[in-house]
Protein backbone atom coordinates (compact mmCIF):
# COMPACT_ATOMS: atom_id res chain seq x y z
CA MET A 1 -12.68 15.17 2.91
CA ALA A 2 -9.85 17.07 4.72
CA ALA A 3 -7.82 16.24 7.48
CA GLN A 4 -5.98 18.45 9.86
CA CYS A 5 -3.55 17.96 12.70
CA PRO A 6 -3.87 19.48 15.91
CA ALA A 7 -2.72 23.04 16.32
CA ASN A 8 -0.72 22.28 19.34
CA GLY A 9 1.94 20.46 17.57
CA THR A 10 0.96 17.00 18.94
CA PRO A 11 2.09 14.24 16.33
CA SER A 12 -0.71 12.75 14.40
CA ILE A 13 -1.67 10.61 11.42
CA PRO A 14 -4.74 11.26 9.39
CA VAL A 15 -6.72 8.22 7.93
CA ALA A 16 -8.95 8.31 5.20
CA ASP A 17 -11.04 5.79 3.08
CA ILE A 18 -9.87 5.47 -0.49
CA HIS A 19 -12.72 4.58 -2.91
CA THR A 20 -11.75 3.16 -6.25
CA ASN A 21 -14.72 4.12 -7.92
CA PRO A 22 -14.24 3.78 -11.72
CA ALA A 23 -16.74 6.60 -12.35
CA ASP A 24 -14.42 8.95 -10.31
CA PRO A 25 -13.92 12.32 -12.14
CA ALA A 26 -10.30 12.38 -11.27
CA ARG A 27 -9.69 9.24 -13.52
CA PRO A 28 -9.52 10.99 -16.88
CA TRP A 29 -7.22 13.77 -15.47
CA ARG A 30 -4.94 10.94 -14.31
CA ARG A 31 -4.87 9.40 -17.52
CA THR A 32 -4.08 12.80 -19.31
CA ALA A 33 -1.35 13.40 -16.98
CA ARG A 34 0.25 10.08 -17.33
CA THR A 35 0.58 10.56 -20.92
CA GLY A 36 3.62 12.49 -20.70
CA ILE A 37 2.24 16.18 -20.68
CA TYR A 38 4.30 17.26 -17.57
CA GLN A 39 7.34 15.37 -18.71
CA PRO A 40 9.33 18.58 -20.23
CA HIS A 41 8.28 20.34 -16.63
CA LEU A 42 10.06 17.61 -14.27
CA VAL A 43 12.92 18.04 -12.43
CA ASP A 44 15.98 15.70 -13.04
CA ASP A 45 17.65 14.28 -9.98
CA ASP A 46 15.70 16.05 -7.41
CA GLN A 47 16.53 14.29 -4.21
CA ARG A 48 12.98 14.66 -2.66
CA SER A 49 11.38 12.84 -5.47
CA ASN A 50 14.28 10.27 -6.07
CA ASP A 51 14.13 9.22 -2.31
CA ARG A 52 10.45 7.88 -1.61
CA GLY A 53 11.37 7.11 1.97
CA MET A 54 12.62 10.52 3.08
CA PHE A 55 10.22 13.38 4.63
């Protein structure tokens, strides 16, 4: 499912149903990613990542 805001610039909020199906094919990928294979590529002290309340 994809969400798209109106082209005229009207503020919008996309809404989606999130299903937590254990058979979801993304689950094995997520498990692999969390093992630390991306750790060497992460940027330390990136303000956009550190402040989760910021847009």
